[in-house]
Amino acid sequence: MTVLGMWALILLGFAAACGLGKRLGLIPVVSQLLLAALALPLLNLLLSQPASSLDTAELLSPGWVKTLYGASFALLLGAILADVRELRPDREALKLALPSFGVPFACGLACAVWLLHIQGIAALALGLVFAITAIPVLHLYLRAIDYPPAASRRLLQAAIVIDLACWLLLGLGQGSLHPASLGWTLVAALAPLPLYALGLRAPAAYGGIFLALLFAAEHYRLNALLLGIGFLACLALLQLNLRLPLSARWSQGLQQYLAVPLILACGVLQVDVQQALQTFEPLHLIALVALPIFSKLLGNWLGLCWAAPSFAGASKWRESLLLNIRGLSEIVFLNLLLSQQLISASLYLTLMLMSLVATLMPALAGLHRLPLNPLPTARRPHAEH
């Protein structure tokens, strides 16, 4: 089979998984994580056999694959950072976000140093993986269960604060290791300033430039995180809007059927699964699946105890589960760490499994069936379809 044919089969497999998952009531990213965690390692093992006509190196080496991967990375990271730009936190959202970030981050650092014996930027990265919340997937869950608008807004604002802290800390940590690339990154991040001086005001133009710079940063191994955050900070300083050049429908379709499958597949296929399975230790596997989830739930609970209830009868257990959702943000985060060799192959697979379990927990707990009890004075709008 040709390289193009194999990639077509992989993408068709992800599309079929999304279709089957929809029938079972799963949102697309959960179906994609299930396929990536269960089927892609098997495909990797099959391709590594001597009798196979293709191997993983041949699948990942073509220039068009690398170009599509870079474009997918830019699209996903751009969409996530565009969500972060909507940061308008109130005091209650900050009260919720601080323990929700701090407790799992501290737990991740402790695991890195005492359990895995890693230090420096790799330990920082693991702590951030423990703390991150997936903004896009959380938004989908809240819409699916018709959560009260004010409570949804607070949960999303808390998630944005958490993700902004994660992306910014990782970007600063990476930049401290590569001062030269940091300089080029900051120059690119300041692009809105001369463009504004030249009279450019169109939000769509800034959106296109934003995605192009993220693509270039990934291609030339610059710090895409700091570039994206710096670019958006300049736009905020200039009081300019940013609109990604694709419509919401096209962006969602490309993410679901191309970008997410490609990033997941490239991440798993570049892992030596046989070696990763040989280095698995049961204690590490259990700890790295359970501890991020437990510490995140604890941090969420403490934050919810500190903040005022979002509505009468609000369930701390329900909101703790929702803020524990991983998904899309974690996929991009893990692939970034793996490509920069900040985490090992076995750690990558373990954390992907953790992300799958955490994202499935609200559905497995029957969250969509829990009755909501908003404030009597607030009338709930109908769910968006």
Protein backbone atom coordinates (compact mmCIF):
# COMPACT_ATOMS: atom_id res chain seq x y z
CA MET A 1 0.00 0.00 0.00
CA THR A 2 1.20 3.53 -0.76
CA VAL A 3 1.83 6.19 1.85
CA LEU A 4 -1.09 8.24 0.52
CA GLY A 5 -3.39 5.21 0.69
CA MET A 6 -2.44 4.45 4.29
CA TRP A 7 -3.06 8.04 5.37
CA ALA A 8 -6.44 7.98 3.62
CA LEU A 9 -7.34 4.82 5.57
CA ILE A 10 -6.23 6.40 8.85
CA LEU A 11 -8.35 9.50 8.27
CA LEU A 12 -11.33 7.36 7.19
CA GLY A 13 -10.89 5.34 10.39
CA PHE A 14 -11.11 8.50 12.49
CA ALA A 15 -14.19 9.66 10.55
CA ALA A 16 -15.85 6.28 11.11
CA ALA A 17 -14.98 6.42 14.83
CA CYS A 18 -16.63 9.86 15.09
CA GLY A 19 -19.73 8.57 13.33
CA LEU A 20 -19.98 5.53 15.61
CA GLY A 21 -19.28 7.65 18.68
CA LYS A 22 -22.06 10.06 17.72
CA ARG A 23 -24.51 7.13 17.72
CA LEU A 24 -23.31 6.25 21.23
CA GLY A 25 -23.63 9.84 22.45
CA LEU A 26 -19.89 10.65 22.47
CA ILE A 27 -18.49 13.96 21.30
CA PRO A 28 -15.91 13.65 18.46
CA VAL A 29 -12.73 14.25 20.49
CA VAL A 30 -13.61 11.36 22.83
CA SER A 31 -14.06 8.99 19.88
CA GLN A 32 -10.77 10.23 18.42
CA LEU A 33 -8.93 9.70 21.71
CA LEU A 34 -10.36 6.18 21.98
CA LEU A 35 -9.11 5.31 18.49
CA ALA A 36 -5.72 6.91 19.14
CA ALA A 37 -5.25 5.12 22.47
CA LEU A 38 -6.50 1.70 21.38
CA ALA A 39 -6.10 1.24 17.60
CA LEU A 40 -3.12 3.40 16.59
CA PRO A 41 -0.61 1.61 18.85
CA LEU A 42 -1.69 -1.67 17.19
CA LEU A 43 -1.18 -0.12 13.75
CA ASN A 44 2.24 1.09 14.88
CA LEU A 45 3.17 -2.44 15.96
CA LEU A 46 1.97 -3.90 12.65
CA LEU A 47 3.98 -1.40 10.63
CA SER A 48 7.09 -2.19 12.65
CA GLN A 49 6.96 -5.87 11.61
CA PRO A 50 9.54 -7.02 9.00
CA ALA A 51 6.76 -8.34 6.73
CA SER A 52 5.10 -4.91 6.50
CA SER A 53 5.40 -3.12 3.14
CA LEU A 54 5.44 0.25 4.94
CA ASP A 55 7.02 1.47 8.14
CA THR A 56 6.29 4.46 10.34
CA ALA A 57 9.35 6.37 9.10
CA GLU A 58 8.04 6.19 5.52
CA LEU A 59 4.61 7.39 6.66
CA LEU A 60 6.00 10.41 8.50
CA SER A 61 8.84 11.44 6.17
CA PRO A 62 7.05 12.92 3.09
CA GLY A 63 7.17 16.69 2.87
CA TRP A 64 3.41 16.97 2.31
CA VAL A 65 2.78 15.09 5.58
CA LYS A 66 5.01 17.52 7.47
CA THR A 67 3.28 20.46 5.80
CA LEU A 68 -0.18 19.15 6.69
CA TYR A 69 0.99 18.50 10.25
CA GLY A 70 2.29 22.07 10.56
CA ALA A 71 -0.95 23.49 9.17
CA SER A 72 -2.99 21.30 11.55
CA PHE A 73 -0.86 22.38 14.50
CA ALA A 74 -1.28 26.05 13.57
CA LEU A 75 -5.05 25.66 13.20
CA LEU A 76 -5.53 23.90 16.54
CA LEU A 77 -3.16 26.09 18.52
CA GLY A 78 -4.64 29.19 16.87
CA ALA A 79 -8.17 28.14 17.83
CA ILE A 80 -7.13 27.43 21.43
CA LEU A 81 -5.26 30.72 21.81
CA ALA A 82 -8.16 32.60 20.21
CA ASP A 83 -10.32 31.16 23.00
CA VAL A 84 -7.74 32.34 25.54
CA ARG A 85 -8.04 35.86 24.12
CA GLU A 86 -11.63 35.96 25.37
CA LEU A 87 -10.31 36.18 28.94
CA ARG A 88 -12.62 38.36 31.03
CA PRO A 89 -12.27 36.78 34.48
CA ASP A 90 -14.24 37.96 37.47
CA ARG A 91 -13.19 37.44 41.08
CA GLU A 92 -15.12 34.16 41.47
CA ALA A 93 -13.55 32.68 38.32
CA LEU A 94 -10.08 33.55 39.66
CA LYS A 95 -10.90 31.96 43.03
CA LEU A 96 -11.87 28.81 41.16
CA ALA A 97 -8.88 28.85 38.81
CA LEU A 98 -6.08 29.30 41.35
CA PRO A 99 -6.50 26.00 43.29
CA SER A 100 -7.60 24.19 40.10
CA PHE A 101 -4.21 25.09 38.61
CA GLY A 102 -2.00 25.12 41.72
CA VAL A 103 -2.87 21.75 43.30
CA PRO A 104 -2.40 19.53 40.20
CA PHE A 105 0.63 21.57 39.11
CA ALA A 106 2.34 20.93 42.46
CA CYS A 107 1.36 17.25 42.27
CA GLY A 108 2.83 16.99 38.77
CA LEU A 109 6.11 18.57 39.87
CA ALA A 110 6.30 16.15 42.81
CA CYS A 111 5.66 13.16 40.51
CA ALA A 112 8.32 14.37 38.09
CA VAL A 113 10.99 14.76 40.77
CA TRP A 114 10.24 11.85 43.13
CA LEU A 115 8.53 9.25 40.94
CA LEU A 116 10.10 9.76 37.50
CA HIS A 117 13.35 11.46 38.61
CA ILE A 118 13.18 14.22 35.99
CA GLN A 119 13.99 17.87 36.57
CA GLY A 120 14.15 21.24 34.87
CA ILE A 121 11.86 22.12 31.96
CA ALA A 122 10.66 18.49 31.67
CA ALA A 123 9.41 18.56 35.28
CA LEU A 124 7.72 21.90 34.64
CA ALA A 125 6.04 20.44 31.55
CA LEU A 126 4.69 17.45 33.47
CA GLY A 127 3.26 19.73 36.15
CA LEU A 128 1.48 21.74 33.47
CA VAL A 129 0.06 18.56 31.88
CA PHE A 130 -1.46 17.70 35.27
CA ALA A 131 -3.07 21.17 35.49
CA ILE A 132 -4.43 21.87 32.00
CA THR A 133 -8.15 21.98 31.15
CA ALA A 134 -9.50 21.65 27.60
CA ILE A 135 -11.47 24.81 26.81
CA PRO A 136 -13.06 23.61 23.51
CA VAL A 137 -14.20 20.25 24.93
CA LEU A 138 -15.50 21.86 28.13
CA HIS A 139 -17.52 24.27 26.00
CA LEU A 140 -19.03 21.34 24.05
CA TYR A 141 -19.96 19.50 27.23
CA LEU A 142 -21.61 22.58 28.75
CA ARG A 143 -23.66 23.12 25.60
CA ALA A 144 -24.63 19.45 25.44
CA ILE A 145 -26.09 19.44 28.97
CA ASP A 146 -27.67 22.91 28.63
CA TYR A 147 -25.76 24.30 31.61
CA PRO A 148 -26.96 27.69 33.00
CA PRO A 149 -25.26 30.51 31.02
CA ALA A 150 -23.74 32.35 34.01
CA ALA A 151 -22.33 29.13 35.48
CA SER A 152 -21.00 28.08 32.06
CA ARG A 153 -19.30 31.44 31.63
CA ARG A 154 -17.55 31.15 35.01
CA LEU A 155 -16.30 27.62 34.33
CA LEU A 156 -15.00 28.65 30.91
CA GLN A 157 -13.31 31.77 32.29
CA ALA A 158 -11.60 29.66 34.96
CA ALA A 159 -10.46 27.20 32.26
CA ILE A 160 -9.09 30.08 30.18
CA VAL A 161 -7.07 31.38 33.16
CA ILE A 162 -5.67 27.88 33.75
CA ASP A 163 -4.76 27.31 30.09
CA LEU A 164 -3.21 30.75 29.74
CA ALA A 165 -0.99 30.03 32.75
CA CYS A 166 0.01 26.65 31.30
CA TRP A 167 0.84 27.94 27.81
CA LEU A 168 2.66 31.00 29.15
CA LEU A 169 4.80 29.11 31.69
CA LEU A 170 5.78 26.46 29.14
CA GLY A 171 6.60 29.15 26.60
CA LEU A 172 8.79 31.05 29.06
CA GLY A 173 10.48 27.82 30.16
CA GLN A 174 11.28 26.85 26.58
CA GLY A 175 12.44 30.34 25.73
CA SER A 176 14.92 30.35 28.61
CA LEU A 177 16.67 27.33 27.04
CA HIS A 178 17.00 28.84 23.55
CA PRO A 179 17.70 32.60 23.80
CA ALA A 180 18.40 32.99 20.05
CA SER A 181 15.11 31.45 18.95
CA LEU A 182 13.38 33.45 21.70
CA GLY A 183 14.59 36.66 20.04
CA TRP A 184 13.14 35.70 16.66
CA THR A 185 9.94 34.60 18.36
CA LEU A 186 9.49 37.98 20.05
CA VAL A 187 10.19 39.83 16.79
CA ALA A 188 7.44 37.83 15.06
CA ALA A 189 5.08 38.35 18.02
CA LEU A 190 5.41 42.12 17.60
CA ALA A 191 4.20 41.96 13.97
CA PRO A 192 0.86 43.72 14.74
CA LEU A 193 2.68 46.92 15.75
CA PRO A 194 4.21 47.81 12.34
CA LEU A 195 1.12 46.47 10.53
CA TYR A 196 -1.07 48.78 12.61
CA ALA A 197 1.25 51.70 11.85
CA LEU A 198 0.80 50.92 8.14
CA GLY A 199 -2.97 51.18 8.54
CA LEU A 200 -4.02 47.52 8.67
CA ARG A 201 -7.22 47.12 10.71
CA ALA A 202 -9.03 44.11 9.21
CA PRO A 203 -9.60 41.35 11.81
CA ALA A 204 -9.53 38.61 9.12
CA ALA A 205 -6.13 39.83 7.87
CA TYR A 206 -4.69 39.59 11.37
CA GLY A 207 -6.25 36.13 11.70
CA GLY A 208 -4.54 34.93 8.51
CA ILE A 209 -1.18 36.41 9.56
CA PHE A 210 -1.59 34.83 13.01
CA LEU A 211 -2.06 31.32 11.55
CA ALA A 212 0.80 31.83 9.05
CA LEU A 213 3.19 32.84 11.83
CA LEU A 214 2.18 29.83 13.96
CA PHE A 215 2.82 27.57 10.96
CA ALA A 216 6.24 29.14 10.39
CA ALA A 217 7.09 28.84 14.08
CA GLU A 218 6.30 25.12 14.07
CA HIS A 219 8.25 24.58 10.84
CA TYR A 220 11.37 26.43 12.01
CA ARG A 221 11.14 25.13 15.61
CA LEU A 222 10.54 28.55 17.12
CA ASN A 223 8.49 29.04 20.27
CA ALA A 224 4.95 28.98 18.86
CA LEU A 225 3.41 29.42 22.31
CA LEU A 226 5.13 32.69 23.13
CA LEU A 227 4.65 33.91 19.59
CA GLY A 228 0.89 33.31 19.76
CA ILE A 229 0.46 34.83 23.21
CA GLY A 230 2.65 37.83 22.33
CA PHE A 231 0.77 38.41 19.07
CA LEU A 232 -2.59 38.39 20.85
CA ALA A 233 -1.25 40.65 23.60
CA CYS A 234 -0.21 43.20 20.95
CA LEU A 235 -3.70 43.06 19.41
CA ALA A 236 -5.25 43.61 22.83
CA LEU A 237 -2.92 46.58 23.44
CA LEU A 238 -3.95 48.08 20.10
CA GLN A 239 -7.62 47.27 20.81
CA LEU A 240 -7.86 45.26 17.59
CA ASN A 241 -9.97 42.18 16.97
CA LEU A 242 -8.79 38.92 15.44
CA ARG A 243 -10.94 36.70 13.26
CA LEU A 244 -9.59 33.43 11.93
CA PRO A 245 -9.96 33.31 8.12
CA LEU A 246 -12.12 30.16 8.14
CA SER A 247 -15.80 30.15 9.03
CA ALA A 248 -16.79 28.31 12.19
CA ARG A 249 -18.25 25.44 10.13
CA TRP A 250 -15.13 24.99 8.01
CA SER A 251 -12.83 25.35 11.00
CA GLN A 252 -14.75 22.73 12.97
CA GLY A 253 -14.82 20.35 10.00
CA LEU A 254 -11.09 20.67 9.35
CA GLN A 255 -10.30 20.17 13.02
CA GLN A 256 -12.54 17.10 13.34
CA TYR A 257 -11.68 15.30 10.10
CA LEU A 258 -8.09 16.39 9.43
CA ALA A 259 -6.23 18.35 12.10
CA VAL A 260 -6.99 16.32 15.23
CA PRO A 261 -6.65 12.90 13.51
CA LEU A 262 -3.38 13.94 11.87
CA ILE A 263 -1.85 15.29 15.07
CA LEU A 264 -2.92 12.22 17.05
CA ALA A 265 -1.68 9.83 14.36
CA CYS A 266 1.68 11.58 13.94
CA GLY A 267 2.14 11.61 17.70
CA VAL A 268 1.47 7.88 18.18
CA LEU A 269 3.24 6.76 14.98
CA GLN A 270 6.50 8.47 15.94
CA VAL A 271 6.54 6.50 19.20
CA ASP A 272 8.45 3.21 19.34
CA VAL A 273 5.53 1.32 20.88
CA GLN A 274 7.48 -1.90 21.49
CA GLN A 275 10.14 -0.06 23.47
CA ALA A 276 7.51 2.03 25.25
CA LEU A 277 5.62 -1.10 26.35
CA GLN A 278 8.84 -2.66 27.62
CA THR A 279 9.59 0.40 29.76
CA PHE A 280 6.09 0.57 31.26
CA GLU A 281 6.08 0.05 35.01
CA PRO A 282 2.67 -0.82 36.53
CA LEU A 283 3.17 1.59 39.44
CA HIS A 284 4.03 4.46 37.12
CA LEU A 285 1.12 3.65 34.83
CA ILE A 286 -1.41 3.64 37.67
CA ALA A 287 0.08 6.75 39.29
CA LEU A 288 0.22 8.77 36.07
CA VAL A 289 -3.39 7.97 35.21
CA ALA A 290 -4.82 8.38 38.71
CA LEU A 291 -2.78 11.24 40.22
CA PRO A 292 -3.45 13.91 37.55
CA ILE A 293 -7.18 13.18 37.76
CA PHE A 294 -7.32 13.03 41.57
CA SER A 295 -5.20 16.16 42.09
CA LYS A 296 -7.21 18.10 39.51
CA LEU A 297 -10.50 17.07 41.12
CA LEU A 298 -9.13 18.10 44.53
CA GLY A 299 -8.00 21.49 43.20
CA ASN A 300 -11.35 22.01 41.50
CA TRP A 301 -13.19 21.13 44.73
CA LEU A 302 -11.10 23.55 46.80
CA GLY A 303 -11.68 26.32 44.27
CA LEU A 304 -15.42 25.68 44.26
CA CYS A 305 -15.46 25.78 48.07
CA TRP A 306 -13.62 29.12 48.00
CA ALA A 307 -15.80 30.72 45.30
CA ALA A 308 -19.47 31.50 45.75
CA PRO A 309 -21.92 28.98 44.20
CA SER A 310 -22.63 29.77 40.55
CA PHE A 311 -26.37 29.10 41.03
CA ALA A 312 -28.71 27.74 43.67
CA GLY A 313 -28.18 24.00 44.08
CA ALA A 314 -24.93 23.95 42.10
CA SER A 315 -23.12 20.64 42.55
CA LYS A 316 -19.42 20.86 43.42
CA TRP A 317 -18.96 17.24 42.28
CA ARG A 318 -20.50 18.00 38.88
CA GLU A 319 -18.41 21.13 38.30
CA SER A 320 -15.25 19.39 39.54
CA LEU A 321 -15.75 16.70 36.90
CA LEU A 322 -16.34 19.29 34.19
CA LEU A 323 -13.15 21.23 34.97
CA ASN A 324 -11.20 17.95 34.90
CA ILE A 325 -11.93 17.54 31.16
CA ARG A 326 -8.78 17.32 29.02
CA GLY A 327 -9.10 16.58 25.29
CA LEU A 328 -8.03 18.97 22.53
CA SER A 329 -5.75 21.25 24.58
CA GLU A 330 -3.98 18.24 26.06
CA ILE A 331 -3.52 16.63 22.62
CA VAL A 332 -1.69 19.70 21.30
CA PHE A 333 0.25 20.05 24.56
CA LEU A 334 1.42 16.42 24.59
CA ASN A 335 2.44 16.45 20.91
CA LEU A 336 4.42 19.61 21.51
CA LEU A 337 6.23 18.04 24.47
CA LEU A 338 6.92 14.80 22.56
CA SER A 339 8.26 16.60 19.47
CA GLN A 340 10.65 18.58 21.67
CA GLN A 341 11.65 15.41 23.60
CA LEU A 342 10.50 16.82 26.92
CA ILE A 343 8.58 13.60 27.65
CA SER A 344 9.34 9.99 26.76
CA ALA A 345 7.31 7.78 24.44
CA SER A 346 5.93 5.68 27.30
CA LEU A 347 4.99 8.83 29.25
CA TYR A 348 3.25 10.20 26.15
CA LEU A 349 1.09 7.07 25.79
CA THR A 350 0.30 7.00 29.51
CA LEU A 351 -0.75 10.65 29.60
CA MET A 352 -2.87 10.16 26.48
CA LEU A 353 -4.68 7.35 28.31
CA MET A 354 -5.13 9.67 31.32
CA SER A 355 -6.56 12.34 29.04
CA LEU A 356 -9.03 9.84 27.62
CA VAL A 357 -10.19 8.69 31.07
CA ALA A 358 -10.55 12.26 32.37
CA THR A 359 -12.52 13.37 29.30
CA LEU A 360 -14.81 10.34 29.53
CA MET A 361 -15.54 10.74 33.26
CA PRO A 362 -18.43 13.25 32.97
CA ALA A 363 -20.21 10.96 30.49
CA LEU A 364 -19.46 7.79 32.48
CA ALA A 365 -20.78 9.49 35.63
CA GLY A 366 -24.06 10.20 33.83
CA LEU A 367 -23.48 13.94 34.04
CA HIS A 368 -25.78 14.63 31.11
CA ARG A 369 -28.63 13.06 33.11
CA LEU A 370 -28.10 15.10 36.28
CA PRO A 371 -30.95 17.57 36.88
CA LEU A 372 -29.97 21.22 36.90
CA ASN A 373 -31.48 23.72 39.29
CA PRO A 374 -30.72 27.29 38.21
CA LEU A 375 -31.67 30.34 40.20
CA PRO A 376 -35.44 30.86 40.25
CA THR A 377 -35.08 34.38 38.92
CA ALA A 378 -33.02 33.31 35.93
CA ARG A 379 -34.79 31.80 32.98
CA ARG A 380 -32.74 29.20 31.17
CA PRO A 381 -32.49 29.57 27.40
CA HIS A 382 -33.08 26.60 25.15
CA ALA A 383 -30.02 24.59 24.26
CA GLU A 384 -28.25 25.47 21.04
CA HIS A 385 -28.29 22.76 18.41
